[in-house]
Every structure is written in C-alpha cells, then in structure tokens.
Amino acid sequence: MLGYVGFLITFGLTAYFITQQFKYAKVTKFRYYVMPIFAFGQFVYSVRIKETQDIYLLVGLLCFSLVIGYFQTTSFQLQQKTRATQLYVMQGETKVPVMRQIYYSRGGSRYLVGWFLIFLVQLLVTISRQHAGTHQIMSEFLMDVLTSLFVFLRIGDGSSWWVWEIYACSSLVYYFVLIRRHPTFSAAMRQT
C-alpha cells in the first residue's frame, strides 16, 4: 500500500513540476544565481577522484552538462510587467504611483527535456556506481522532482558529487547563456 501511495505522490509531484515549466514565475537571484554557485561549491567540496574512471566520469559529465545547459535555454521565455509600488510622487497636485518593472520567466519544453535527460544520466551513473535497486531509483526520482520544485531542499542534500556537478554546471551554463542571449534577462537580474 505504501508503495502505491508513494507512486501516486511521485506522479502527482511530477505532473505539477511539468505544468510549472509552462507557467511564468518571478525572476529571482536566488533561483538563477545563488543556487548554481552554491551547487558548484558543493561539487568542489564533495568531489573525490579515487581512480582513473572518476576522471573520465568528471569530464564526460562536464561536457554533458554544458550541452544540456545550453539546450535548456532554447525554449526560455521572459515576460516584463509594470506594477505600481506603494510609493507615490507628486506631480503638481496629483499623486502619481511609482512604477516598477517585474520580470517573469518560464523554461518551456526544452527545459523539461533537459531536466529529464539530467535525471536519466544521474540515474545511470548512480546505478552503475552504487548498484541501485528499484526502490532507490524511485526514491532518487522523487528527490529530483522535489529539489526541482523546492530548490532549498538541495542545501541539505547528501547527493553524490556527480549530481552536484551536473546541477551546478548545467545551471551555470543556463544562467550565462541567458545573460548573453537575452539583454532583458540581464536587466532583470540586476534589478531583483
């Protein structure tokens, strides 16, 4: 029974995550800047090269992450909305609200495909290195969905170094490509 409930929860969270990729969310420095840098620090802290195979894995995952990070930007969309703040200025005898630009973004379908490919590669590496079973695979999938939805869960995450490498490198590439490709995104990051 618990396995069935766990499956339903995982399925529900996955469906929710998928729908969120097609909705606009407010652009924040935490999401695009702080978490990727934190993840890179976690990767540097946790990486342990014990044998030659680890070097190949490190380089291979770096290349994979660079490609995925770039690929995910290709369906990125940015919206700009003007909102009144609680501040007013006087123009003559009239109170005029101070307006502020607020930016919203969405990842879109290619972001979702990239996320799924990242999950598959993480899963394959985990299976090959730790000989994971079905329960561990479902648990890893659920954790991946949860950390994608609630990014703060990654902070205490005891993931293996390759998980941190893929997340950090793909996220940093995603951020830097967006900065270069979308001048409005760059302005949004300066404002938030």
Protein backbone atom coordinates (compact mmCIF):
# COMPACT_ATOMS: atom_id res chain seq x y z
CA MET A 1 0.00 0.00 0.00
CA LEU A 2 2.79 2.44 0.91
CA GLY A 3 4.46 1.76 -2.45
CA TYR A 4 1.22 2.67 -4.24
CA VAL A 5 0.82 5.88 -2.23
CA GLY A 6 4.47 6.75 -2.85
CA PHE A 7 3.96 6.21 -6.56
CA LEU A 8 0.87 8.46 -6.57
CA ILE A 9 2.72 11.20 -4.69
CA THR A 10 5.66 10.96 -7.08
CA PHE A 11 3.34 11.01 -10.09
CA GLY A 12 1.41 13.99 -8.73
CA LEU A 13 4.55 16.00 -7.97
CA THR A 14 6.00 15.16 -11.38
CA ALA A 15 2.82 16.32 -13.12
CA TYR A 16 2.89 19.52 -11.07
CA PHE A 17 6.56 20.15 -11.94
CA ILE A 18 5.86 19.61 -15.64
CA THR A 19 2.98 22.09 -15.65
CA GLN A 20 5.11 24.66 -13.81
CA GLN A 21 7.59 24.72 -16.70
CA PHE A 22 4.89 26.24 -18.89
CA LYS A 23 3.87 28.93 -16.38
CA TYR A 24 5.69 32.17 -15.73
CA ALA A 25 7.48 32.56 -12.38
CA LYS A 26 9.15 35.64 -10.98
CA VAL A 27 12.85 36.01 -11.85
CA THR A 28 14.94 35.88 -8.66
CA LYS A 29 18.67 35.95 -7.98
CA PHE A 30 18.27 33.00 -5.64
CA ARG A 31 16.96 30.76 -8.40
CA TYR A 32 19.34 31.79 -11.17
CA TYR A 33 22.44 32.94 -9.33
CA VAL A 34 22.75 31.83 -5.70
CA MET A 35 21.76 28.16 -6.04
CA PRO A 36 24.05 27.37 -9.02
CA ILE A 37 27.02 28.96 -7.23
CA PHE A 38 26.16 27.09 -4.04
CA ALA A 39 25.87 23.84 -6.02
CA PHE A 40 29.26 24.45 -7.61
CA GLY A 41 30.75 24.91 -4.13
CA GLN A 42 29.11 21.66 -3.02
CA PHE A 43 30.54 19.90 -6.05
CA VAL A 44 34.06 21.18 -5.37
CA TYR A 45 33.71 20.20 -1.70
CA SER A 46 32.33 16.71 -2.38
CA VAL A 47 34.25 15.56 -5.47
CA ARG A 48 36.58 12.66 -4.75
CA ILE A 49 38.76 11.31 -7.55
CA LYS A 50 39.76 7.83 -6.45
CA GLU A 51 40.55 6.18 -9.77
CA THR A 52 41.03 6.95 -13.45
CA GLN A 53 37.40 6.10 -14.15
CA ASP A 54 36.36 9.05 -11.95
CA ILE A 55 38.32 11.47 -14.17
CA TYR A 56 36.54 10.17 -17.28
CA LEU A 57 33.21 10.47 -15.49
CA LEU A 58 34.03 14.02 -14.37
CA VAL A 59 34.98 15.16 -17.89
CA GLY A 60 32.08 13.32 -19.56
CA LEU A 61 29.52 14.78 -17.17
CA LEU A 62 31.04 18.24 -17.59
CA CYS A 63 30.58 18.03 -21.38
CA PHE A 64 27.06 16.65 -20.96
CA SER A 65 26.16 19.45 -18.52
CA LEU A 66 27.47 22.15 -20.85
CA VAL A 67 25.37 20.85 -23.74
CA ILE A 68 22.24 20.41 -21.61
CA GLY A 69 22.57 23.86 -20.02
CA TYR A 70 22.77 25.43 -23.46
CA PHE A 71 19.93 23.28 -24.85
CA GLN A 72 17.61 24.24 -21.99
CA THR A 73 17.89 27.95 -22.85
CA THR A 74 16.44 27.47 -26.33
CA SER A 75 12.82 27.47 -25.11
CA PHE A 76 13.30 30.12 -22.40
CA GLN A 77 10.78 32.97 -22.43
CA LEU A 78 10.75 36.20 -20.48
CA GLN A 79 7.81 38.48 -19.71
CA GLN A 80 8.00 42.01 -18.42
CA LYS A 81 5.15 43.60 -16.46
CA THR A 82 4.82 47.05 -14.98
CA ARG A 83 3.42 47.20 -11.46
CA ALA A 84 2.65 50.15 -9.22
CA THR A 85 4.62 50.26 -5.98
CA GLN A 86 3.35 51.68 -2.69
CA LEU A 87 5.35 54.86 -3.33
CA TYR A 88 3.90 57.99 -4.89
CA VAL A 89 5.38 61.19 -6.28
CA MET A 90 3.60 64.49 -6.50
CA GLN A 91 3.24 66.00 -9.96
CA GLY A 92 1.55 69.28 -9.34
CA GLU A 93 -1.39 68.41 -7.13
CA THR A 94 -1.69 64.84 -8.39
CA LYS A 95 -0.28 61.75 -6.67
CA VAL A 96 1.33 59.53 -9.30
CA PRO A 97 2.34 55.98 -8.32
CA VAL A 98 5.95 54.96 -8.84
CA MET A 99 6.00 52.10 -11.34
CA ARG A 100 8.39 49.15 -11.28
CA GLN A 101 9.29 46.55 -13.88
CA ILE A 102 8.80 42.96 -12.73
CA TYR A 103 10.17 40.09 -14.79
CA TYR A 104 8.72 36.60 -15.14
CA SER A 105 10.27 33.63 -16.91
CA ARG A 106 9.43 30.11 -17.92
CA GLY A 107 11.62 27.27 -19.04
CA GLY A 108 9.34 25.64 -21.58
CA SER A 109 9.52 22.24 -23.25
CA ARG A 110 13.28 22.10 -23.86
CA TYR A 111 13.98 22.94 -20.24
CA LEU A 112 11.78 19.99 -19.32
CA VAL A 113 13.50 17.65 -21.80
CA GLY A 114 16.88 18.76 -20.40
CA TRP A 115 15.70 18.12 -16.85
CA PHE A 116 14.57 14.62 -17.82
CA LEU A 117 17.90 13.88 -19.56
CA ILE A 118 19.77 15.11 -16.48
CA PHE A 119 17.67 12.80 -14.32
CA LEU A 120 18.35 9.83 -16.62
CA VAL A 121 22.10 10.43 -16.62
CA GLN A 122 22.14 10.83 -12.82
CA LEU A 123 20.18 7.62 -12.55
CA LEU A 124 22.50 5.70 -14.88
CA VAL A 125 25.59 6.91 -13.04
CA THR A 126 24.05 6.06 -9.67
CA ILE A 127 23.01 2.58 -10.86
CA SER A 128 26.44 1.85 -12.34
CA ARG A 129 28.36 3.11 -9.31
CA GLN A 130 26.10 2.02 -6.47
CA HIS A 131 24.15 -0.88 -7.98
CA ALA A 132 20.80 0.75 -7.14
CA GLY A 133 17.56 -1.18 -6.97
CA THR A 134 14.01 -0.21 -7.96
CA HIS A 135 13.26 1.36 -4.58
CA GLN A 136 16.37 3.55 -4.75
CA ILE A 137 15.52 4.55 -8.34
CA MET A 138 12.01 5.69 -7.34
CA SER A 139 13.42 7.44 -4.29
CA GLU A 140 16.00 9.27 -6.42
CA PHE A 141 13.33 10.29 -8.94
CA LEU A 142 11.09 11.66 -6.19
CA MET A 143 14.01 13.56 -4.65
CA ASP A 144 14.93 15.01 -8.05
CA VAL A 145 11.37 16.24 -8.58
CA LEU A 146 11.23 17.70 -5.06
CA THR A 147 14.57 19.50 -5.38
CA SER A 148 13.49 20.90 -8.74
CA LEU A 149 10.27 22.23 -7.24
CA PHE A 150 11.71 23.36 -3.92
CA VAL A 151 15.28 24.36 -4.64
CA PHE A 152 16.09 24.91 -0.95
CA LEU A 153 15.95 21.12 -0.44
CA ARG A 154 19.29 20.83 -2.27
CA ILE A 155 21.02 22.65 0.57
CA GLY A 156 20.98 19.68 2.91
CA ASP A 157 21.11 17.14 0.13
CA GLY A 158 23.78 14.48 0.63
CA SER A 159 23.96 13.71 -3.07
CA SER A 160 26.99 12.19 -4.70
CA TRP A 161 29.45 14.54 -6.35
CA TRP A 162 28.24 13.78 -9.88
CA VAL A 163 24.74 15.01 -9.01
CA TRP A 164 26.21 18.31 -7.79
CA GLU A 165 28.44 18.55 -10.88
CA ILE A 166 25.57 18.10 -13.32
CA TYR A 167 23.29 20.52 -11.47
CA ALA A 168 25.97 23.19 -10.96
CA CYS A 169 27.46 23.11 -14.45
CA SER A 170 24.18 22.94 -16.36
CA SER A 171 22.68 25.71 -14.19
CA LEU A 172 25.70 27.99 -14.57
CA VAL A 173 25.74 27.50 -18.35
CA TYR A 174 21.98 28.14 -18.42
CA TYR A 175 22.48 31.39 -16.50
CA PHE A 176 25.41 32.69 -18.57
CA VAL A 177 23.78 31.84 -21.90
CA LEU A 178 20.59 33.63 -20.82
CA ILE A 179 22.61 36.69 -19.82
CA ARG A 180 24.23 36.82 -23.27
CA ARG A 181 21.19 35.86 -25.32
CA HIS A 182 18.56 37.97 -23.53
CA PRO A 183 19.61 41.52 -22.59
CA THR A 184 16.27 41.91 -20.81
CA PHE A 185 17.13 38.93 -18.59
CA SER A 186 20.39 40.62 -17.71
CA ALA A 187 18.44 43.75 -16.71
CA ALA A 188 16.05 41.62 -14.66
CA MET A 189 18.95 40.07 -12.75
CA ARG A 190 20.39 43.49 -11.96
CA GLN A 191 17.01 44.71 -10.71
CA THR A 192 15.99 41.77 -8.49
